[in-house]
């Protein structure tokens, strides 16, 4: 059975100040980096502290600089403390440096070894509605939680929180509440939640009907503010769809997840009256300017989520009955990305194909022999390579004012 996966990451690199010099790794560079430590401490002069934080931020903009900092446990610990320090401390530059460090999986172990309480510290800041650099804290969490060990440490931070402290409910509330923090949009809480939803305990929380979490997340699949937020929410919903025991609830009237997954995949195409009646109400008579989800990765996750909902016979019937094939047919005709087209074709085959043999109705529980799985993966790769070779070339743009020959 395929494991639930993570989605987006916060940007790495690119936040180092322009023109900064990145020292070569070596004993001399390590000594220079170690000299920064006193200036990052809480008692340092604010101007020197700011200069030191800016220099560390510059170091994190290169792989050599990050490797250099990986061996400086005391400096990493001081950086983590500075990222949560009150004004006038340069907390934002320290937090941005942590974003870059956490984007490198090789730095996760040194960061957590130097500061085991880092996930809990970041969580406090990310969910503080008054913290000005909550976005940076959320971005660090999004990067850290892509890997199993830091993700587990973050779950432990939730479990160890004091009553009234940060928990999954507060994270969902912050993600779903416009203006939760007037100084930070908190888009990166989306991929953080998606990464956390790899954990069974998180999916138990998300799929608890009494908590009503999934219905609160559904409108964010169409959030115009940020593809990061949309991708995180869609990734979370996709991971929840691995739990086939909840498919009846997800597809039923209490949640009605399918229209929310289909609407971003729909375009402005017109359907016959007979076809229109087969679609959910929210997908009927869409305006002529209706746009599909512009991010190919998000479109693919939406298709994958629907595919997971077809794992059982009742789920397949419910997905068929809501005109899913019609939306996928038009998506496939329009789709420019080979990987999304392949995912779309696989789902169409499930919808129009024959039902599995008795005993194999639940596609998520079918045990595929290792050698067969390897062969299927190889065929998948060969099929996608063939499609990419056959894909028509994009015409070269004509010079402005030019006439095509």
Protein backbone atom coordinates (compact mmCIF):
# COMPACT_ATOMS: atom_id res chain seq x y z
CA UNK A 1 0.00 0.00 0.00
CA UNK A 2 1.27 3.41 -0.92
CA UNK A 3 2.17 5.67 1.96
CA UNK A 4 0.68 9.09 2.47
CA UNK A 5 3.15 11.64 1.20
CA UNK A 6 4.32 15.15 1.89
CA UNK A 7 3.93 18.13 -0.36
CA UNK A 8 5.45 21.57 -0.59
CA UNK A 9 8.58 22.93 0.96
CA UNK A 10 9.46 26.46 1.93
CA UNK A 11 11.96 28.16 -0.33
CA UNK A 12 15.62 27.49 0.33
CA UNK A 13 18.42 29.87 -0.50
CA UNK A 14 17.68 33.16 -2.11
CA UNK A 15 17.24 35.04 1.13
CA UNK A 16 20.93 35.71 1.62
CA UNK A 17 21.75 39.38 1.12
CA UNK A 18 22.89 40.19 -2.40
CA UNK A 19 26.62 40.38 -2.79
CA UNK A 20 27.34 38.41 0.39
CA UNK A 21 30.54 36.43 0.33
CA UNK A 22 30.31 32.75 1.19
CA UNK A 23 33.51 31.47 2.82
CA UNK A 24 35.01 28.18 1.76
CA UNK A 25 34.61 25.34 4.24
CA UNK A 26 37.73 24.58 6.22
CA UNK A 27 39.41 25.07 9.58
CA UNK A 28 39.85 28.79 9.04
CA UNK A 29 36.22 29.26 8.01
CA UNK A 30 35.03 27.23 11.01
CA UNK A 31 37.07 29.44 13.30
CA UNK A 32 35.55 32.53 11.70
CA UNK A 33 32.04 31.12 12.15
CA UNK A 34 32.74 30.28 15.79
CA UNK A 35 33.69 33.92 16.38
CA UNK A 36 30.11 34.91 15.58
CA UNK A 37 28.74 33.07 18.60
CA UNK A 38 29.26 35.82 21.24
CA UNK A 39 27.51 38.35 19.01
CA UNK A 40 24.42 36.16 18.64
CA UNK A 41 23.88 35.80 22.38
CA UNK A 42 21.05 37.58 24.19
CA UNK A 43 23.42 39.99 25.92
CA UNK A 44 25.14 41.24 22.78
CA UNK A 45 24.82 44.82 21.55
CA UNK A 46 21.79 45.07 19.21
CA UNK A 47 23.80 46.47 16.28
CA UNK A 48 26.45 43.75 16.54
CA UNK A 49 23.78 41.11 17.01
CA UNK A 50 22.03 42.30 13.84
CA UNK A 51 25.28 42.22 11.85
CA UNK A 52 26.08 38.71 13.09
CA UNK A 53 22.59 37.43 12.25
CA UNK A 54 22.86 38.94 8.76
CA UNK A 55 26.21 37.22 8.25
CA UNK A 56 24.78 33.85 9.33
CA UNK A 57 21.85 34.39 6.97
CA UNK A 58 24.35 34.95 4.16
CA UNK A 59 26.12 31.71 5.03
CA UNK A 60 22.87 29.74 4.77
CA UNK A 61 22.45 30.88 1.17
CA UNK A 62 25.07 28.39 -0.06
CA UNK A 63 25.59 24.68 0.42
CA UNK A 64 29.13 25.28 1.65
CA UNK A 65 27.87 27.75 4.22
CA UNK A 66 25.19 25.38 5.47
CA UNK A 67 27.70 22.55 5.80
CA UNK A 68 29.94 24.87 7.75
CA UNK A 69 27.15 25.77 10.18
CA UNK A 70 26.13 22.11 10.57
CA UNK A 71 29.19 21.54 12.77
CA UNK A 72 28.53 24.58 15.00
CA UNK A 73 26.07 23.22 17.58
CA UNK A 74 26.39 26.19 19.94
CA UNK A 75 25.86 28.63 17.10
CA UNK A 76 22.78 26.74 15.87
CA UNK A 77 21.38 26.79 19.40
CA UNK A 78 21.99 30.54 19.68
CA UNK A 79 20.35 31.06 16.29
CA UNK A 80 17.25 29.12 17.40
CA UNK A 81 16.99 31.24 20.55
CA UNK A 82 17.48 34.46 18.61
CA UNK A 83 14.71 33.50 16.14
CA UNK A 84 12.20 33.76 18.97
CA UNK A 85 13.69 36.75 20.77
CA UNK A 86 11.60 39.93 21.18
CA UNK A 87 12.30 43.19 19.37
CA UNK A 88 14.83 44.81 18.93
CA UNK A 89 16.64 41.48 18.43
CA UNK A 90 17.07 40.57 14.71
CA UNK A 91 14.67 37.65 15.05
CA UNK A 92 13.52 37.80 11.44
CA UNK A 93 17.00 37.32 9.96
CA UNK A 94 17.63 34.47 12.41
CA UNK A 95 14.33 32.85 11.44
CA UNK A 96 15.07 33.26 7.73
CA UNK A 97 18.43 31.57 8.29
CA UNK A 98 16.57 28.67 9.92
CA UNK A 99 14.27 28.46 6.87
CA UNK A 100 17.32 27.90 4.67
CA UNK A 101 18.93 25.44 7.08
CA UNK A 102 15.73 23.42 7.47
CA UNK A 103 15.32 23.23 3.68
CA UNK A 104 18.42 21.02 3.63
CA UNK A 105 17.55 17.53 4.99
CA UNK A 106 21.20 17.01 5.93
CA UNK A 107 20.84 19.84 8.47
CA UNK A 108 17.81 18.40 10.28
CA UNK A 109 19.78 16.13 12.61
CA UNK A 110 22.34 18.81 13.58
CA UNK A 111 19.53 21.32 14.21
CA UNK A 112 17.53 18.97 16.42
CA UNK A 113 20.62 17.73 18.21
CA UNK A 114 21.74 21.28 18.97
CA UNK A 115 18.24 22.38 20.01
CA UNK A 116 15.82 19.49 20.72
CA UNK A 117 13.12 21.98 21.67
CA UNK A 118 13.24 23.76 18.30
CA UNK A 119 9.92 22.37 16.94
CA UNK A 120 8.05 23.39 20.10
CA UNK A 121 9.71 26.84 20.09
CA UNK A 122 8.79 27.41 16.45
CA UNK A 123 5.27 26.15 17.00
CA UNK A 124 4.72 28.69 19.78
CA UNK A 125 5.87 31.51 17.49
CA UNK A 126 4.01 30.33 14.38
CA UNK A 127 0.69 30.13 16.24
CA UNK A 128 1.13 33.36 18.22
CA UNK A 129 -1.34 35.76 16.55
CA UNK A 130 0.82 38.73 17.57
CA UNK A 131 4.23 37.43 16.48
CA UNK A 132 5.41 39.47 13.45
CA UNK A 133 7.67 36.75 12.06
CA UNK A 134 5.17 33.90 12.33
CA UNK A 135 5.44 33.30 8.59
CA UNK A 136 9.14 32.50 8.90
CA UNK A 137 8.47 30.18 11.85
CA UNK A 138 5.78 28.36 9.84
CA UNK A 139 8.16 28.03 6.87
CA UNK A 140 10.81 26.41 9.07
CA UNK A 141 8.20 23.96 10.38
CA UNK A 142 7.09 23.17 6.80
CA UNK A 143 10.68 22.36 5.84
CA UNK A 144 11.49 20.38 8.97
CA UNK A 145 8.31 18.30 8.88
CA UNK A 146 9.12 16.90 5.42
CA UNK A 147 11.39 14.34 7.07
CA UNK A 148 10.10 11.60 9.42
CA UNK A 149 12.24 12.36 12.50
CA UNK A 150 11.50 16.12 12.71
CA UNK A 151 7.86 15.42 11.88
CA UNK A 152 7.68 13.00 14.81
CA UNK A 153 9.39 15.61 17.04
CA UNK A 154 6.73 18.12 16.06
CA UNK A 155 3.99 15.66 16.96
CA UNK A 156 5.69 15.17 20.33
CA UNK A 157 5.64 18.95 20.79
CA UNK A 158 1.88 18.91 20.28
CA UNK A 159 1.50 16.06 22.76
CA UNK A 160 3.68 17.77 25.39
CA UNK A 161 2.02 21.19 25.11
CA UNK A 162 0.50 22.67 28.24
CA UNK A 163 -3.31 22.88 28.42
CA UNK A 164 -4.33 25.80 26.25
CA UNK A 165 -0.99 25.67 24.40
CA UNK A 166 -0.37 24.95 20.71
CA UNK A 167 -2.19 21.89 19.39
CA UNK A 168 -3.48 20.60 16.08
CA UNK A 169 -6.81 22.31 16.60
CA UNK A 170 -5.07 25.67 17.01
CA UNK A 171 -2.99 25.03 13.89
CA UNK A 172 -6.14 24.28 11.88
CA UNK A 173 -7.86 27.35 13.32
CA UNK A 174 -4.91 29.58 12.40
CA UNK A 175 -4.85 28.13 8.87
CA UNK A 176 -8.59 28.54 8.33
CA UNK A 177 -9.10 31.95 9.96
CA UNK A 178 -8.50 34.98 7.70
CA UNK A 179 -6.49 37.61 9.54
CA UNK A 180 -5.57 35.24 12.39
CA UNK A 181 -2.26 37.12 12.46
CA UNK A 182 -2.59 40.59 10.95
CA UNK A 183 1.14 40.71 10.20
CA UNK A 184 1.60 37.23 8.73
CA UNK A 185 -0.61 35.32 6.24
CA UNK A 186 0.65 31.95 7.52
CA UNK A 187 0.49 30.22 4.13
CA UNK A 188 3.15 27.68 5.19
CA UNK A 189 0.88 26.21 7.82
CA UNK A 190 -0.72 24.44 4.83
CA UNK A 191 2.29 22.30 3.90
CA UNK A 192 3.08 21.86 7.59
CA UNK A 193 -0.33 20.29 8.14
CA UNK A 194 0.07 18.21 4.98
CA UNK A 195 3.38 16.84 6.20
CA UNK A 196 1.91 16.13 9.62
CA UNK A 197 -0.95 14.26 7.98
CA UNK A 198 1.57 11.56 7.04
CA UNK A 199 1.28 10.56 10.70
CA UNK A 200 -1.64 8.20 11.55
CA UNK A 201 -2.38 10.18 14.72
CA UNK A 202 -2.88 13.35 12.68
CA UNK A 203 -5.26 11.61 10.28
CA UNK A 204 -7.26 10.29 13.24
CA UNK A 205 -7.62 13.90 14.42
CA UNK A 206 -8.47 15.25 10.96
CA UNK A 207 -11.05 12.54 10.22
CA UNK A 208 -12.89 12.76 13.54
CA UNK A 209 -16.46 13.67 12.48
CA UNK A 210 -17.07 15.48 15.76
CA UNK A 211 -14.19 17.90 15.15
CA UNK A 212 -15.43 18.93 11.68
CA UNK A 213 -11.87 19.62 10.46
CA UNK A 214 -12.12 18.39 6.86
CA UNK A 215 -15.21 20.51 6.08
CA UNK A 216 -13.32 23.57 7.35
CA UNK A 217 -10.39 22.81 5.06
CA UNK A 218 -12.41 22.22 1.89
CA UNK A 219 -13.00 25.90 0.93
CA UNK A 220 -9.22 26.47 1.02
CA UNK A 221 -8.81 24.25 -2.06
CA UNK A 222 -9.89 27.36 -3.98
CA UNK A 223 -8.02 29.95 -1.93
CA UNK A 224 -6.83 32.63 -4.38
CA UNK A 225 -4.19 34.00 -2.02
CA UNK A 226 -1.48 31.37 -2.24
CA UNK A 227 -0.64 28.18 -4.14
CA UNK A 228 1.40 27.17 -1.07
CA UNK A 229 -1.73 27.22 1.09
CA UNK A 230 -3.84 25.46 -1.58
CA UNK A 231 -1.19 22.82 -2.14
CA UNK A 232 -0.85 22.16 1.56
CA UNK A 233 -4.59 21.74 2.02
CA UNK A 234 -4.97 19.52 -1.06
CA UNK A 235 -2.03 17.42 0.14
CA UNK A 236 -3.71 17.06 3.53
CA UNK A 237 -6.99 15.97 1.95
CA UNK A 238 -5.18 13.51 -0.31
CA UNK A 239 -3.42 11.97 2.68
CA UNK A 240 -6.77 11.66 4.48
CA UNK A 241 -8.15 9.79 1.46
CA UNK A 242 -5.74 6.93 2.17
CA UNK A 243 -8.04 6.02 5.07
CA UNK A 244 -10.60 4.04 3.07
CA UNK A 245 -12.74 3.35 6.14
CA UNK A 246 -13.71 7.02 6.08
CA UNK A 247 -14.58 7.21 2.38
CA UNK A 248 -18.31 6.82 2.96
CA UNK A 249 -18.23 9.82 5.33
CA UNK A 250 -16.00 11.88 3.03
CA UNK A 251 -18.18 11.24 -0.03
CA UNK A 252 -21.47 11.47 1.86
CA UNK A 253 -23.61 14.55 2.51
CA UNK A 254 -21.85 15.48 5.77
CA UNK A 255 -18.60 16.33 3.96
CA UNK A 256 -19.31 15.95 0.21
CA UNK A 257 -15.62 16.21 -0.65
CA UNK A 258 -15.82 15.31 -4.35
CA UNK A 259 -17.12 18.66 -5.73
CA UNK A 260 -14.28 20.45 -3.91
CA UNK A 261 -11.74 18.14 -5.57
CA UNK A 262 -13.34 18.40 -9.01
CA UNK A 263 -14.03 22.14 -9.19
CA UNK A 264 -10.33 23.19 -9.42
CA UNK A 265 -9.92 20.67 -12.27
CA UNK A 266 -12.88 22.00 -14.24
CA UNK A 267 -12.61 24.52 -17.05
CA UNK A 268 -15.16 26.62 -18.95
CA UNK A 269 -16.31 23.77 -21.22
CA UNK A 270 -19.98 23.45 -22.06
CA UNK A 271 -21.82 20.17 -21.61
CA UNK A 272 -25.09 18.89 -23.00
CA UNK A 273 -28.16 19.15 -20.78
CA UNK A 274 -28.02 15.40 -20.15
CA UNK A 275 -24.35 15.55 -19.14
CA UNK A 276 -24.92 18.67 -17.02
CA UNK A 277 -27.52 16.89 -14.91
CA UNK A 278 -24.95 14.23 -14.00
CA UNK A 279 -22.60 16.82 -12.45
CA UNK A 280 -22.79 18.12 -8.86
CA UNK A 281 -24.67 21.43 -8.67
CA UNK A 282 -21.45 23.38 -7.98
CA UNK A 283 -19.98 22.20 -11.30
CA UNK A 284 -22.98 22.99 -13.47
CA UNK A 285 -23.05 26.01 -15.79
CA UNK A 286 -19.61 27.31 -14.87
CA UNK A 287 -18.77 30.77 -16.25
CA UNK A 288 -16.94 31.22 -19.53
CA UNK A 289 -13.91 32.63 -17.69
CA UNK A 290 -13.57 29.64 -15.31
CA UNK A 291 -9.88 28.82 -14.87
CA UNK A 292 -8.37 25.50 -13.83
CA UNK A 293 -5.93 25.22 -10.94
CA UNK A 294 -2.72 26.71 -12.42
CA UNK A 295 -0.27 24.59 -10.39
CA UNK A 296 0.40 21.21 -12.04
CA UNK A 297 1.50 19.58 -8.76
CA UNK A 298 -1.78 20.56 -7.13
CA UNK A 299 -3.79 19.28 -10.11
CA UNK A 300 -1.99 15.96 -9.83
CA UNK A 301 -2.70 15.70 -6.10
CA UNK A 302 -6.39 16.43 -6.75
CA UNK A 303 -6.53 13.59 -9.31
CA UNK A 304 -4.68 11.29 -6.89
CA UNK A 305 -7.12 12.10 -4.08
CA UNK A 306 -10.07 11.19 -6.32
CA UNK A 307 -8.26 8.00 -7.36
CA UNK A 308 -7.92 7.04 -3.69
CA UNK A 309 -11.66 7.58 -3.20
CA UNK A 310 -12.27 4.93 -5.86
CA UNK A 311 -10.47 2.28 -3.82
CA UNK A 312 -13.71 0.58 -2.76
CA UNK A 313 -16.69 -0.47 -4.86
CA UNK A 314 -19.14 1.96 -3.16
CA UNK A 315 -16.61 4.77 -3.58
CA UNK A 316 -16.14 4.00 -7.27
CA UNK A 317 -19.89 4.04 -7.80
CA UNK A 318 -20.31 7.34 -5.97
CA UNK A 319 -17.48 8.97 -7.94
CA UNK A 320 -18.93 7.68 -11.23
CA UNK A 321 -22.43 8.87 -10.36
CA UNK A 322 -21.27 12.47 -9.92
CA UNK A 323 -20.06 12.88 -13.48
CA UNK A 324 -16.36 12.71 -12.61
CA UNK A 325 -15.53 11.19 -15.99
CA UNK A 326 -16.85 14.29 -17.79
CA UNK A 327 -14.52 16.63 -15.88
CA UNK A 328 -11.55 14.29 -16.35
CA UNK A 329 -12.26 13.90 -20.06
CA UNK A 330 -12.02 17.65 -20.58
CA UNK A 331 -9.05 17.96 -18.23
CA UNK A 332 -7.16 15.31 -20.20
CA UNK A 333 -7.81 17.13 -23.48
CA UNK A 334 -6.49 20.38 -21.98
CA UNK A 335 -3.71 19.13 -19.67
CA UNK A 336 -0.21 20.22 -20.80
CA UNK A 337 1.79 18.28 -18.18
CA UNK A 338 2.60 14.61 -19.00
CA UNK A 339 2.63 13.50 -15.36
CA UNK A 340 -0.84 14.90 -14.70
CA UNK A 341 -2.16 13.41 -17.96
CA UNK A 342 -0.91 9.97 -16.93
CA UNK A 343 -2.58 10.27 -13.52
CA UNK A 344 -5.76 11.38 -15.26
CA UNK A 345 -5.69 8.42 -17.65
CA UNK A 346 -5.27 5.95 -14.79
CA UNK A 347 -8.30 7.37 -13.00
CA UNK A 348 -10.36 7.31 -16.20
CA UNK A 349 -9.46 3.64 -16.66
CA UNK A 350 -10.74 2.89 -13.15
CA UNK A 351 -13.99 4.76 -13.85
CA UNK A 352 -14.76 3.16 -17.22
CA UNK A 353 -13.13 -0.24 -16.65
CA UNK A 354 -14.64 -3.46 -15.40
CA UNK A 355 -15.01 -4.05 -11.68
CA UNK A 356 -12.23 -6.10 -10.00
CA UNK A 357 -12.73 -9.78 -9.32
CA UNK A 358 -14.40 -10.86 -6.04
CA UNK A 359 -12.01 -10.51 -3.13
CA UNK A 360 -10.10 -7.68 -4.83
CA UNK A 361 -12.75 -4.94 -4.61
CA UNK A 362 -10.67 -2.79 -2.24
CA UNK A 363 -7.77 -1.56 -4.37
CA UNK A 364 -5.87 -0.23 -1.35
CA UNK A 365 -5.77 -3.67 0.26
CA UNK A 366 -4.72 -5.67 -2.79
CA UNK A 367 -1.28 -7.16 -2.18
CA UNK A 368 0.89 -6.82 -5.28
CA UNK A 369 3.93 -9.16 -5.44
CA UNK A 370 7.25 -7.30 -5.38
CA UNK A 371 8.33 -8.50 -8.82
CA UNK A 372 4.99 -7.43 -10.35
CA UNK A 373 5.23 -4.03 -8.65
CA UNK A 374 8.73 -3.52 -10.07
CA UNK A 375 7.48 -4.42 -13.55
CA UNK A 376 4.54 -2.03 -13.24
CA UNK A 377 6.82 0.81 -12.15
CA UNK A 378 9.12 0.15 -15.10
CA UNK A 379 6.15 0.14 -17.48
CA UNK A 380 4.96 3.41 -15.94
CA UNK A 381 8.34 5.03 -16.56
CA UNK A 382 8.51 3.72 -20.13
CA UNK A 383 4.96 4.91 -20.82
CA UNK A 384 5.64 8.41 -19.51
CA UNK A 385 8.92 8.66 -21.46
CA UNK A 386 7.08 7.61 -24.62
CA UNK A 387 4.38 10.21 -24.06
CA UNK A 388 6.95 12.93 -23.52
CA UNK A 389 8.72 11.94 -26.76
CA UNK A 390 5.41 12.12 -28.63
CA UNK A 391 4.38 15.41 -27.08
CA UNK A 392 4.17 18.12 -29.79
CA UNK A 393 6.90 20.73 -29.66
CA UNK A 394 5.88 24.16 -28.46
CA UNK A 395 6.14 26.62 -31.38
CA UNK A 396 8.86 29.19 -31.05
CA UNK A 397 7.46 32.68 -30.33
CA UNK A 398 7.64 35.04 -33.30
CA UNK A 399 9.67 38.26 -32.96
CA UNK A 400 7.51 41.24 -32.16
CA UNK A 401 6.02 42.54 -35.39
CA UNK A 402 7.31 39.55 -37.34
CA UNK A 403 5.26 37.56 -39.86
CA UNK A 404 5.26 33.74 -39.65
CA UNK A 405 6.91 32.13 -42.63
